[in-house]
Amino acid sequence: MAIDKGKVVYQIYPKSYKDTSGNGIGDLAGIIEKIPYLKELGVDMVWLNPFYPSPQRDNGYDITDYTAVNPVFGTMADFEDLIACGQANGIEFMLDMVLNHCSTDHEWFQKALAGDKYYQDFFILRDQPTDWQSKFGGSAWAPFGDSGKYYLHLFDVSQADLNWRNPNVRKELFKVVNFWRDKGVKGFRFDVINLIGKDEQLQDCPINDGKPAYTDKPITHDYLKMLNNASFGQDDSFMTVGEMSATTIENCILYTAPEREELAMAFNFHHLKVDYKDGQKWTLMDFDFPTLRDLFHAWGEGISQGNGWNALFYNNHDQPRVLNRFIDVEHFRNEGATMLAASIHLSRGTPYIYMGEEIGMLDPEYDTMSDYVDVESWNAYHSLLEEGKTPEQAFGIVKAKSRDNSRVPMQWDASQNAGFSKGEPWLKVAKSYREINVETEKNGKIFPFYQKLIKLRKEWPIIAEGDYKAYLRDSQSVYAFERHFEGQKLLVLNNFYAQTLTLDIPTSYQGGQVLISNYEIEKMGDKVDLKAYQTLAILSKP
């Protein structure tokens, strides 16, 4: 399965991108309207979060019909127009496939509840629950109607895990994937796909809330090979990415090495847990740079040596904005945003841009819990209160860590509701929209920098194809790496702090070409003063 390593993906959370109907919810027509903007940015593919029918208990990741469009987002005709408009502008689409679980409102689950034995085997039912914990808090099991049995839900109680051991389940899910392929879709992002292979005998597992019992099991690789062979593997130009929960380098090599015919690339989240105190998300602490640096080097080198492929990202719909987490945004928003962008766009893997990242959007700075919608955030708030936190302390943690921080409406201009909607937005707009918006930022520092990074990946094979080698492995403030390709070398230096520091430049790079920097660089000598949040990429001398 060949992959075009020069491509860049842009993620859209449809609910928050552009509303054309005035109901306060983004829609497919709004994405069509903004395709010229995406073309101007230069991206090749757009990943859309779920737009299928759903009760929206988990913002669309609880699906009731895998092959339809939720009327709130538009019609199937709108979707077909979107594909056609994208193709006309050189933009392809990647859809979110949520194949680990479905909504308990789905016809399959409802038939199972009604006593249909065929559909009961679509789910993971047991007489006795294990001690596994849901990722959204509480037990991972819930009563299956009044049958005396329990069904597994690794996520919300309304999201029942599907039984991949049943060939009929696999057949139905493979049909779903092919349905969208036939519609012209050219990529899939598979939600928590490394959790589909549960043990046949489910037993208590007190370690890490039960995760070892269902994460990265060997049978998952078998399932992915089946999925590949039955669907997207028939098209060499297809792009696939697996969201891998609590995964390992070794497994991601297996998931993504081309000869294994599983997936093209994998997302991992370890680098976004470096501000989790004692590994717990709902805590407050400064990010741990040495851990971040070591993770990037371990994954960069490990996946490179194993001939796997990384999906590179800092932001998505499940993460607070990385600028608020890693950067002094009050003083260095432009420098921080451009440095972070270069640190992944110049690395080995496919870069993903989350909507608004390309204009330096920030967390919304909400004032009260009532501004939040996300079920996980509300569950966390109540749990924090139960742990003894004051309402102010609990709110402060949610404000820093909520998924809604990234789900706020896209900031198009300084007009009411940031130009997102003429109605009342489903989620309150961020306070910063009058200063930070597309209209302003197109002439600013960040948007043009992203455009340049995307062009460089297409112009320089060393960026798209080169291997990865750690540099300044022990630096306490600079994340640096080299790329090597066909005798050429590229050195990338990223200062993660506001302090200027002087670095020696290796002989092979002295007098080399500066491919990109977020500060003016006249000439590359034997030393460089790396300024606050500076990024610098130097090509070795011929």
Protein backbone atom coordinates (compact mmCIF):
# COMPACT_ATOMS: atom_id res chain seq x y z
CA MET A 1 0.00 0.00 0.00
CA ALA A 2 1.81 3.09 -1.27
CA ILE A 3 1.34 6.39 0.55
CA ASP A 4 1.96 9.87 -0.82
CA LYS A 5 4.28 11.20 1.88
CA GLY A 6 4.04 14.75 0.55
CA LYS A 7 0.40 15.15 1.53
CA VAL A 8 -0.89 17.30 4.39
CA VAL A 9 -4.26 16.67 6.08
CA TYR A 10 -6.59 19.28 7.57
CA GLN A 11 -9.12 18.23 10.21
CA ILE A 12 -12.59 19.74 10.33
CA TYR A 13 -15.03 19.31 13.21
CA PRO A 14 -18.13 19.91 11.05
CA LYS A 15 -20.33 21.10 13.91
CA SER A 16 -18.00 24.05 14.48
CA TYR A 17 -16.63 25.00 11.06
CA LYS A 18 -19.25 27.07 9.21
CA ASP A 19 -23.02 27.28 9.64
CA THR A 20 -25.01 28.28 6.53
CA SER A 21 -28.51 27.57 7.86
CA GLY A 22 -28.50 29.85 10.89
CA ASN A 23 -29.27 27.04 13.35
CA GLY A 24 -25.95 27.51 15.13
CA ILE A 25 -24.51 24.19 13.95
CA GLY A 26 -21.90 23.91 11.21
CA ASP A 27 -22.94 22.00 8.11
CA LEU A 28 -21.64 20.38 4.93
CA ALA A 29 -22.70 23.40 2.87
CA GLY A 30 -20.47 25.52 5.11
CA ILE A 31 -17.49 23.29 4.33
CA ILE A 32 -18.24 23.59 0.60
CA GLU A 33 -18.26 27.37 1.00
CA LYS A 34 -14.78 27.26 2.56
CA ILE A 35 -13.07 24.94 0.06
CA PRO A 36 -11.40 27.94 -1.66
CA TYR A 37 -9.88 28.80 1.74
CA LEU A 38 -8.57 25.25 2.15
CA LYS A 39 -7.14 25.36 -1.37
CA GLU A 40 -5.40 28.65 -0.54
CA LEU A 41 -3.88 27.09 2.57
CA GLY A 42 -2.57 24.29 0.36
CA VAL A 43 -3.83 21.13 2.08
CA ASP A 44 -4.43 17.92 0.11
CA MET A 45 -7.01 16.10 2.21
CA VAL A 46 -9.70 17.01 4.73
CA TRP A 47 -10.59 14.69 7.58
CA LEU A 48 -14.19 15.17 8.72
CA ASN A 49 -15.31 14.19 12.19
CA PRO A 50 -18.54 12.12 12.22
CA PHE A 51 -21.58 13.68 10.54
CA TYR A 52 -23.75 10.54 10.69
CA PRO A 53 -27.12 10.30 12.47
CA SER A 54 -26.48 10.27 16.21
CA PRO A 55 -28.13 11.26 19.50
CA GLN A 56 -24.94 13.31 20.06
CA ARG A 57 -24.21 11.95 23.51
CA ASP A 58 -20.54 11.98 22.47
CA ASN A 59 -20.68 14.57 19.71
CA GLY A 60 -21.34 12.12 16.89
CA TYR A 61 -19.07 9.27 17.97
CA ASP A 62 -22.26 7.48 19.03
CA ILE A 63 -23.60 6.48 15.62
CA THR A 64 -27.10 5.22 14.85
CA ASP A 65 -26.66 4.86 11.07
CA TYR A 66 -23.25 4.44 9.45
CA THR A 67 -24.39 5.12 5.88
CA ALA A 68 -26.47 8.29 6.21
CA VAL A 69 -26.01 12.00 6.86
CA ASN A 70 -27.42 13.54 10.02
CA PRO A 71 -30.04 16.05 8.76
CA VAL A 72 -28.55 18.72 11.05
CA PHE A 73 -25.46 18.68 8.77
CA GLY A 74 -27.32 18.44 5.47
CA THR A 75 -28.23 15.71 3.00
CA MET A 76 -26.47 12.96 1.08
CA ALA A 77 -26.72 15.24 -1.97
CA ASP A 78 -24.76 17.88 0.00
CA PHE A 79 -22.11 15.29 0.77
CA GLU A 80 -21.85 14.30 -2.90
CA ASP A 81 -21.52 18.01 -3.82
CA LEU A 82 -18.77 18.32 -1.21
CA ILE A 83 -16.79 15.45 -2.75
CA ALA A 84 -17.24 16.91 -6.25
CA CYS A 85 -16.26 20.43 -5.15
CA GLY A 86 -13.21 19.03 -3.37
CA GLN A 87 -12.13 17.05 -6.43
CA ALA A 88 -12.48 20.15 -8.61
CA ASN A 89 -10.10 21.96 -6.25
CA GLY A 90 -7.59 19.16 -5.71
CA ILE A 91 -8.86 18.29 -2.24
CA GLU A 92 -9.80 14.77 -1.15
CA PHE A 93 -11.82 13.70 1.89
CA MET A 94 -11.10 11.36 4.77
CA LEU A 95 -14.02 10.14 6.89
CA ASP A 96 -14.09 9.13 10.52
CA MET A 97 -14.98 5.45 10.92
CA VAL A 98 -16.15 4.59 14.43
CA LEU A 99 -16.04 0.81 14.24
CA ASN A 100 -15.25 -0.11 17.87
CA HIS A 101 -18.73 0.79 19.10
CA CYS A 102 -22.10 2.13 18.01
CA SER A 103 -24.91 4.00 19.71
CA THR A 104 -27.29 2.03 21.89
CA ASP A 105 -29.97 3.68 19.71
CA HIS A 106 -28.58 1.86 16.66
CA GLU A 107 -30.96 -0.63 15.06
CA TRP A 108 -28.52 -3.48 15.83
CA PHE A 109 -28.54 -2.79 19.57
CA GLN A 110 -32.27 -2.20 19.69
CA LYS A 111 -32.93 -5.55 17.94
CA ALA A 112 -30.53 -7.21 20.37
CA LEU A 113 -32.39 -5.68 23.32
CA ALA A 114 -35.67 -6.94 21.87
CA GLY A 115 -34.30 -10.49 22.12
CA ASP A 116 -32.94 -11.10 18.61
CA LYS A 117 -30.14 -13.63 19.19
CA TYR A 118 -28.47 -12.83 15.83
CA TYR A 119 -27.97 -9.20 16.88
CA GLN A 120 -27.15 -10.01 20.49
CA ASP A 121 -23.97 -11.57 19.14
CA PHE A 122 -23.10 -8.16 17.61
CA PHE A 123 -22.23 -6.98 21.12
CA ILE A 124 -20.11 -8.13 24.05
CA LEU A 125 -22.55 -9.51 26.60
CA ARG A 126 -21.59 -11.24 29.83
CA ASP A 127 -23.43 -12.61 32.87
CA GLN A 128 -20.89 -11.00 35.20
CA PRO A 129 -19.07 -7.72 34.59
CA THR A 130 -15.30 -7.46 34.95
CA ASP A 131 -13.55 -4.72 36.92
CA TRP A 132 -12.71 -2.72 33.78
CA GLN A 133 -13.28 1.02 33.92
CA SER A 134 -14.86 3.13 31.18
CA LYS A 135 -12.60 5.79 29.66
CA PHE A 136 -15.34 8.27 30.54
CA GLY A 137 -15.40 7.19 34.20
CA GLY A 138 -17.23 4.46 36.11
CA SER A 139 -17.68 0.80 35.18
CA ALA A 140 -17.21 -0.26 31.54
CA TRP A 141 -20.30 -2.46 31.89
CA ALA A 142 -24.01 -1.61 32.03
CA PRO A 143 -27.15 -3.76 32.45
CA PHE A 144 -28.40 -5.16 29.13
CA GLY A 145 -32.09 -4.31 29.55
CA ASP A 146 -33.74 -6.63 32.06
CA SER A 147 -31.97 -9.74 30.73
CA GLY A 148 -29.68 -10.06 33.74
CA LYS A 149 -26.69 -9.68 31.42
CA TYR A 150 -24.28 -6.76 31.00
CA TYR A 151 -22.93 -5.13 27.83
CA LEU A 152 -19.43 -3.67 27.43
CA HIS A 153 -19.01 0.06 26.80
CA LEU A 154 -15.40 1.23 26.95
CA PHE A 155 -16.68 4.77 26.42
CA ASP A 156 -20.06 6.35 27.26
CA VAL A 157 -22.85 4.07 28.48
CA SER A 158 -24.66 4.95 25.22
CA GLN A 159 -21.76 3.51 23.14
CA ALA A 160 -21.91 -0.29 23.07
CA ASP A 161 -18.73 -2.06 21.97
CA LEU A 162 -19.11 -4.23 18.87
CA ASN A 163 -18.07 -7.88 18.86
CA TRP A 164 -15.41 -8.14 16.15
CA ARG A 165 -15.06 -11.88 16.84
CA ASN A 166 -18.41 -12.28 15.08
CA PRO A 167 -17.80 -12.52 11.28
CA ASN A 168 -21.25 -10.99 10.66
CA VAL A 169 -20.16 -7.83 12.48
CA ARG A 170 -17.02 -7.62 10.39
CA LYS A 171 -19.00 -8.14 7.19
CA GLU A 172 -21.40 -5.30 8.08
CA LEU A 173 -18.58 -2.91 8.99
CA PHE A 174 -16.61 -3.70 5.83
CA LYS A 175 -19.77 -2.88 3.86
CA VAL A 176 -19.90 0.51 5.60
CA VAL A 177 -16.32 1.30 4.55
CA ASN A 178 -17.02 0.31 0.94
CA PHE A 179 -20.24 2.34 0.87
CA TRP A 180 -18.23 5.53 1.45
CA ARG A 181 -15.46 4.45 -0.93
CA ASP A 182 -18.13 4.22 -3.63
CA LYS A 183 -19.12 7.82 -2.80
CA GLY A 184 -15.63 9.03 -3.73
CA VAL A 185 -14.03 9.17 -0.29
CA LYS A 186 -10.24 8.70 -0.49
CA GLY A 187 -9.27 8.23 3.15
CA PHE A 188 -10.42 6.90 6.51
CA ARG A 189 -9.48 7.70 10.07
CA PHE A 190 -10.35 4.73 12.24
CA ASP A 191 -11.43 5.73 15.74
CA VAL A 192 -9.74 3.84 18.66
CA ILE A 193 -9.14 0.99 16.22
CA ASN A 194 -6.55 -0.77 18.41
CA LEU A 195 -9.29 -1.61 20.94
CA ILE A 196 -11.39 -3.81 18.63
CA GLY A 197 -9.58 -7.05 19.55
CA LYS A 198 -10.79 -7.96 23.03
CA ASP A 199 -9.72 -11.19 24.68
CA GLU A 200 -12.11 -14.09 24.06
CA GLN A 201 -12.26 -14.82 27.79
CA LEU A 202 -12.84 -11.51 29.55
CA GLN A 203 -11.33 -11.45 33.02
CA ASP A 204 -10.69 -8.93 35.76
CA CYS A 205 -7.66 -6.77 35.09
CA PRO A 206 -6.94 -4.30 37.90
CA ILE A 207 -3.90 -2.91 36.04
CA ASN A 208 -4.53 0.51 34.47
CA ASP A 209 -8.35 0.23 34.62
CA GLY A 210 -8.30 -2.97 32.55
CA LYS A 211 -6.57 -1.52 29.47
CA PRO A 212 -4.12 -4.46 28.98
CA ALA A 213 -7.11 -6.76 28.45
CA TYR A 214 -8.27 -5.01 25.30
CA THR A 215 -5.47 -2.78 23.96
CA ASP A 216 -3.20 -3.75 21.02
CA LYS A 217 -4.15 -7.43 21.21
CA PRO A 218 -2.54 -9.59 18.47
CA ILE A 219 -5.92 -10.39 16.93
CA THR A 220 -6.37 -6.68 16.13
CA HIS A 221 -3.69 -7.03 13.44
CA ASP A 222 -5.63 -9.92 11.92
CA TYR A 223 -8.80 -7.82 11.84
CA LEU A 224 -7.01 -4.89 10.19
CA LYS A 225 -5.59 -7.16 7.49
CA MET A 226 -9.14 -8.45 6.83
CA LEU A 227 -10.48 -4.87 6.68
CA ASN A 228 -7.66 -3.81 4.35
CA ASN A 229 -8.16 -6.74 1.98
CA ALA A 230 -11.94 -6.34 1.91
CA SER A 231 -11.99 -2.60 1.24
CA PHE A 232 -9.43 0.21 0.94
CA GLY A 233 -6.49 -2.10 0.23
CA GLN A 234 -7.88 -2.48 -3.29
CA ASP A 235 -6.92 1.15 -4.00
CA ASP A 236 -3.22 2.06 -3.73
CA SER A 237 -3.93 5.79 -3.51
CA PHE A 238 -6.02 5.42 -0.35
CA MET A 239 -4.91 7.10 2.89
CA THR A 240 -5.75 5.46 6.21
CA VAL A 241 -4.85 6.36 9.77
CA GLY A 242 -5.60 4.51 12.96
CA GLU A 243 -6.23 6.30 16.23
CA MET A 244 -4.27 4.18 18.69
CA SER A 245 -5.15 4.43 22.35
CA ALA A 246 -2.30 3.80 24.84
CA THR A 247 -0.25 2.10 22.12
CA THR A 248 3.43 1.22 21.63
CA ILE A 249 6.10 1.93 19.02
CA GLU A 250 6.39 -1.80 18.31
CA ASN A 251 2.68 -2.14 17.59
CA CYS A 252 2.55 1.00 15.45
CA ILE A 253 5.34 -0.40 13.27
CA LEU A 254 3.20 -3.52 12.83
CA TYR A 255 0.09 -1.44 12.11
CA THR A 256 1.80 0.73 9.49
CA ALA A 257 4.69 -1.12 7.81
CA PRO A 258 3.54 -1.23 4.13
CA GLU A 259 4.32 -4.92 3.59
CA ARG A 260 1.91 -5.90 6.41
CA GLU A 261 -1.13 -4.46 4.60
CA GLU A 262 -2.89 -3.03 7.65
CA LEU A 263 -2.97 0.80 7.81
CA ALA A 264 -0.94 3.62 6.25
CA MET A 265 -0.18 5.48 9.51
CA ALA A 266 -1.02 5.73 13.19
CA PHE A 267 -1.89 8.42 15.71
CA ASN A 268 -0.47 8.10 19.20
CA PHE A 269 -1.13 10.45 22.12
CA HIS A 270 1.80 9.98 24.48
CA HIS A 271 3.26 13.42 23.64
CA LEU A 272 0.00 15.06 24.66
CA LYS A 273 0.11 13.64 28.17
CA VAL A 274 3.26 15.50 29.20
CA ASP A 275 1.20 17.95 31.25
CA TYR A 276 -0.72 15.19 33.07
CA LYS A 277 0.34 15.13 36.72
CA ASP A 278 1.03 11.48 37.71
CA GLY A 279 -0.45 10.47 34.35
CA GLN A 280 -3.89 11.86 35.19
CA LYS A 281 -5.58 14.15 32.66
CA TRP A 282 -7.71 16.18 35.08
CA THR A 283 -4.79 17.85 36.84
CA LEU A 284 -2.75 21.01 36.38
CA MET A 285 0.99 21.15 35.72
CA ASP A 286 3.47 22.76 33.34
CA PHE A 287 4.41 20.58 30.40
CA ASP A 288 7.45 18.37 30.89
CA PHE A 289 9.82 19.26 28.04
CA PRO A 290 12.41 16.48 28.57
CA THR A 291 9.64 13.86 28.41
CA LEU A 292 8.18 15.46 25.29
CA ARG A 293 11.63 15.58 23.65
CA ASP A 294 12.36 11.94 24.51
CA LEU A 295 8.99 10.77 23.21
CA PHE A 296 9.47 12.57 19.90
CA HIS A 297 12.93 11.07 19.50
CA ALA A 298 11.87 7.56 20.49
CA TRP A 299 8.91 7.54 18.12
CA GLY A 300 10.72 9.38 15.34
CA GLU A 301 13.68 7.00 15.34
CA GLY A 302 11.75 3.85 16.22
CA ILE A 303 9.10 4.20 13.51
CA SER A 304 11.74 5.31 10.98
CA GLN A 305 13.96 2.30 11.65
CA GLY A 306 10.97 -0.07 11.55
CA ASN A 307 9.70 1.39 8.24
CA GLY A 308 6.39 2.40 9.79
CA TRP A 309 4.75 5.80 9.40
CA ASN A 310 3.57 8.38 11.93
CA ALA A 311 0.63 10.74 11.80
CA LEU A 312 1.99 14.00 13.26
CA PHE A 313 -0.22 16.40 15.21
CA TYR A 314 -0.54 18.60 18.27
CA ASN A 315 -4.21 19.52 18.08
CA ASN A 316 -7.47 17.71 17.47
CA HIS A 317 -11.10 17.70 18.59
CA ASP A 318 -10.20 15.85 21.82
CA GLN A 319 -7.38 18.13 22.97
CA PRO A 320 -7.15 21.64 24.43
CA ARG A 321 -5.21 23.98 22.16
CA VAL A 322 -1.52 23.17 22.33
CA LEU A 323 -0.57 26.87 22.30
CA ASN A 324 -2.18 27.24 25.72
CA ARG A 325 -0.38 24.13 26.96
CA PHE A 326 3.19 24.63 25.74
CA ILE A 327 3.64 28.32 24.88
CA ASP A 328 3.67 31.72 26.63
CA VAL A 329 0.83 32.91 24.40
CA GLU A 330 0.52 36.27 26.06
CA HIS A 331 3.93 37.31 24.71
CA PHE A 332 4.86 34.85 21.96
CA ARG A 333 1.73 33.49 20.25
CA ASN A 334 3.08 34.00 16.70
CA GLU A 335 6.52 32.62 17.45
CA GLY A 336 5.17 29.69 19.45
CA ALA A 337 2.57 28.74 16.85
CA THR A 338 5.08 28.77 14.00
CA MET A 339 7.73 26.88 15.96
CA LEU A 340 5.28 24.13 16.92
CA ALA A 341 4.12 23.87 13.31
CA ALA A 342 7.65 23.46 11.98
CA SER A 343 8.53 20.92 14.66
CA ILE A 344 6.09 18.44 13.14
CA HIS A 345 5.78 19.55 9.49
CA LEU A 346 9.52 19.11 9.01
CA SER A 347 9.56 15.74 10.76
CA ARG A 348 9.04 12.24 9.36
CA GLY A 349 5.35 11.46 9.01
CA THR A 350 2.14 12.98 7.67
CA PRO A 351 1.25 16.33 9.32
CA TYR A 352 -2.31 17.03 10.42
CA ILE A 353 -3.60 20.57 10.92
CA TYR A 354 -6.63 20.98 13.17
CA MET A 355 -8.98 23.76 12.10
CA GLY A 356 -7.96 27.11 13.57
CA GLU A 357 -4.43 25.95 14.31
CA GLU A 358 -3.29 27.64 11.10
CA ILE A 359 -4.41 31.02 12.49
CA GLY A 360 -3.18 30.45 16.05
CA MET A 361 -6.56 29.97 17.75
CA LEU A 362 -6.52 29.71 21.54
CA ASP A 363 -8.68 28.11 24.23
CA PRO A 364 -11.95 30.05 24.65
CA GLU A 365 -11.46 31.40 28.21
CA TYR A 366 -14.98 30.48 29.35
CA ASP A 367 -16.23 31.94 32.63
CA THR A 368 -18.50 29.23 34.06
CA MET A 369 -19.17 25.49 33.78
CA SER A 370 -22.48 26.31 32.09
CA ASP A 371 -20.46 27.37 29.02
CA TYR A 372 -19.28 23.75 28.55
CA VAL A 373 -21.24 21.09 26.66
CA ASP A 374 -18.87 18.10 26.54
CA VAL A 375 -20.04 15.03 28.50
CA GLU A 376 -16.47 14.10 29.52
CA SER A 377 -15.88 17.60 30.94
CA TRP A 378 -19.05 17.50 33.03
CA ASN A 379 -18.25 14.00 34.30
CA ALA A 380 -14.77 15.18 35.26
CA TYR A 381 -16.13 18.27 37.01
CA HIS A 382 -18.42 16.18 39.21
CA SER A 383 -15.62 13.67 39.91
CA LEU A 384 -13.28 16.49 40.93
CA LEU A 385 -15.91 17.83 43.35
CA GLU A 386 -16.34 14.34 44.81
CA GLU A 387 -12.57 14.18 45.33
CA GLY A 388 -12.80 17.27 47.52
CA LYS A 389 -11.88 20.03 45.07
CA THR A 390 -13.72 23.34 45.47
CA PRO A 391 -15.97 24.42 42.57
CA GLU A 392 -13.32 27.03 41.66
CA GLN A 393 -10.53 24.44 41.62
CA ALA A 394 -12.60 21.94 39.63
CA PHE A 395 -13.59 24.61 37.11
CA GLY A 396 -9.95 25.71 36.74
CA ILE A 397 -8.93 22.17 35.80
CA VAL A 398 -11.81 21.73 33.33
CA LYS A 399 -10.99 25.12 31.80
CA ALA A 400 -7.45 23.91 31.06
CA LYS A 401 -8.28 20.36 29.93
CA SER A 402 -11.76 20.30 28.33
CA ARG A 403 -12.25 18.92 24.83
CA ASP A 404 -14.60 21.86 24.19
CA ASN A 405 -11.51 24.10 24.10
CA SER A 406 -10.86 22.86 20.58
CA ARG A 407 -14.50 22.49 19.55
CA VAL A 408 -15.36 26.18 19.71
CA PRO A 409 -16.60 27.69 16.43
CA MET A 410 -14.00 28.52 13.80
CA GLN A 411 -13.05 32.20 13.88
CA TRP A 412 -13.57 33.58 10.37
CA ASP A 413 -13.80 37.31 11.06
CA ALA A 414 -14.52 39.91 13.76
CA SER A 415 -18.28 40.03 13.14
CA GLN A 416 -20.84 38.59 15.54
CA ASN A 417 -20.19 34.92 16.43
CA ALA A 418 -16.82 35.15 14.65
CA GLY A 419 -18.55 34.85 11.27
CA PHE A 420 -19.41 31.23 12.09
CA SER A 421 -23.20 31.58 12.26
CA LYS A 422 -25.98 34.14 12.06
CA GLY A 423 -27.76 32.18 14.80
CA GLU A 424 -26.84 31.23 18.35
CA PRO A 425 -23.81 28.88 18.12
CA TRP A 426 -24.19 25.42 19.68
CA LEU A 427 -21.04 26.21 21.67
CA LYS A 428 -20.03 29.71 22.74
CA VAL A 429 -17.35 31.39 20.61
CA ALA A 430 -13.93 32.12 22.11
CA LYS A 431 -13.27 35.53 23.61
CA SER A 432 -10.31 36.15 21.28
CA TYR A 433 -12.20 36.06 17.95
CA ARG A 434 -12.10 39.83 17.34
CA GLU A 435 -8.30 39.79 17.27
CA ILE A 436 -7.63 36.23 16.07
CA ASN A 437 -9.56 35.32 12.93
CA VAL A 438 -8.95 34.24 9.34
CA GLU A 439 -9.50 37.72 7.92
CA THR A 440 -6.78 39.18 10.14
CA GLU A 441 -4.38 36.24 10.20
CA LYS A 442 -4.15 35.77 6.43
CA ASN A 443 -1.92 38.86 6.53
CA GLY A 444 -0.27 37.88 9.79
CA LYS A 445 2.64 35.60 10.65
CA ILE A 446 1.05 32.18 11.22
CA PHE A 447 -1.14 31.43 8.17
CA PRO A 448 1.59 32.29 5.61
CA PHE A 449 4.06 30.19 7.61
CA TYR A 450 1.76 27.16 7.34
CA GLN A 451 1.43 27.76 3.60
CA LYS A 452 5.21 27.76 3.29
CA LEU A 453 5.62 24.56 5.35
CA ILE A 454 3.08 22.75 3.15
CA LYS A 455 4.92 23.88 -0.02
CA LEU A 456 8.30 22.81 1.37
CA ARG A 457 7.05 19.26 1.97
CA LYS A 458 6.09 19.03 -1.70
CA GLU A 459 9.27 20.69 -3.01
CA TRP A 460 11.89 18.88 -0.93
CA PRO A 461 11.93 15.06 -0.96
CA ILE A 462 14.12 15.09 2.17
CA ILE A 463 11.12 16.40 4.16
CA ALA A 464 8.63 13.92 2.73
CA GLU A 465 10.93 10.90 2.41
CA GLY A 466 13.97 11.33 4.67
CA ASP A 467 14.68 9.25 7.76
CA TYR A 468 14.75 10.67 11.29
CA LYS A 469 17.73 11.03 13.60
CA ALA A 470 17.70 12.69 17.03
CA TYR A 471 19.97 15.71 17.54
CA LEU A 472 20.88 17.49 20.81
CA ARG A 473 19.33 14.50 22.54
CA ASP A 474 19.88 15.89 26.05
CA SER A 475 18.99 19.55 25.50
CA GLN A 476 16.80 21.00 28.23
CA SER A 477 15.08 23.49 25.92
CA VAL A 478 15.65 22.62 22.25
CA TYR A 479 13.92 19.84 20.35
CA ALA A 480 16.21 19.13 17.41
CA PHE A 481 16.46 16.44 14.77
CA GLU A 482 18.09 15.65 11.45
CA ARG A 483 16.54 14.25 8.29
CA HIS A 484 18.73 12.24 5.90
CA PHE A 485 17.89 11.44 2.27
CA GLU A 486 20.10 10.45 -0.68
CA GLY A 487 23.25 12.05 0.71
CA GLN A 488 21.50 15.24 1.81
CA LYS A 489 20.91 16.33 5.43
CA LEU A 490 18.45 18.73 7.04
CA LEU A 491 18.88 20.04 10.59
CA VAL A 492 15.77 21.32 12.40
CA LEU A 493 16.15 23.30 15.66
CA ASN A 494 13.11 24.20 17.79
CA ASN A 495 13.43 26.35 20.91
CA PHE A 496 10.54 25.47 23.25
CA TYR A 497 11.22 28.38 25.60
CA ALA A 498 11.36 32.19 25.65
CA GLN A 499 15.05 32.31 26.58
CA THR A 500 17.61 32.94 23.80
CA LEU A 501 20.46 30.45 23.70
CA THR A 502 23.59 30.11 21.60
CA LEU A 503 24.19 26.87 19.70
CA ASP A 504 27.19 25.61 17.75
CA ILE A 505 26.37 24.78 14.15
CA PRO A 506 28.05 21.61 12.76
CA THR A 507 30.55 22.19 9.94
CA SER A 508 28.36 20.47 7.34
CA TYR A 509 25.62 23.05 7.90
CA GLN A 510 27.80 26.18 8.07
CA GLY A 511 26.98 28.20 4.99
CA GLY A 512 24.04 25.89 4.33
CA GLN A 513 20.66 27.02 3.01
CA VAL A 514 18.05 28.15 5.55
CA LEU A 515 14.86 26.49 4.33
CA ILE A 516 12.62 28.22 6.85
CA SER A 517 12.73 30.16 10.10
CA ASN A 518 10.25 32.25 12.05
CA TYR A 519 12.95 34.91 12.53
CA GLU A 520 15.09 36.65 9.91
CA ILE A 521 18.36 34.77 9.34
CA GLU A 522 20.99 36.45 7.19
CA LYS A 523 23.67 33.79 6.90
CA MET A 524 24.46 30.50 8.62
CA GLY A 525 27.80 30.71 10.42
CA ASP A 526 29.38 28.48 13.06
CA LYS A 527 27.01 29.62 15.81
CA VAL A 528 23.39 30.74 16.04
CA ASP A 529 21.52 32.66 18.71
CA LEU A 530 18.24 30.73 18.86
CA LYS A 531 15.67 33.29 19.98
CA ALA A 532 12.42 32.88 21.93
CA TYR A 533 10.43 29.99 20.40
CA GLN A 534 12.56 30.12 17.29
CA THR A 535 12.46 27.36 14.69
CA LEU A 536 15.26 27.02 12.16
CA ALA A 537 15.74 24.46 9.37
CA ILE A 538 19.14 24.32 7.64
CA LEU A 539 20.00 22.25 4.59
CA SER A 540 23.55 20.87 4.55
CA LYS A 541 26.02 22.20 2.01
CA PRO A 542 26.07 20.22 -1.27
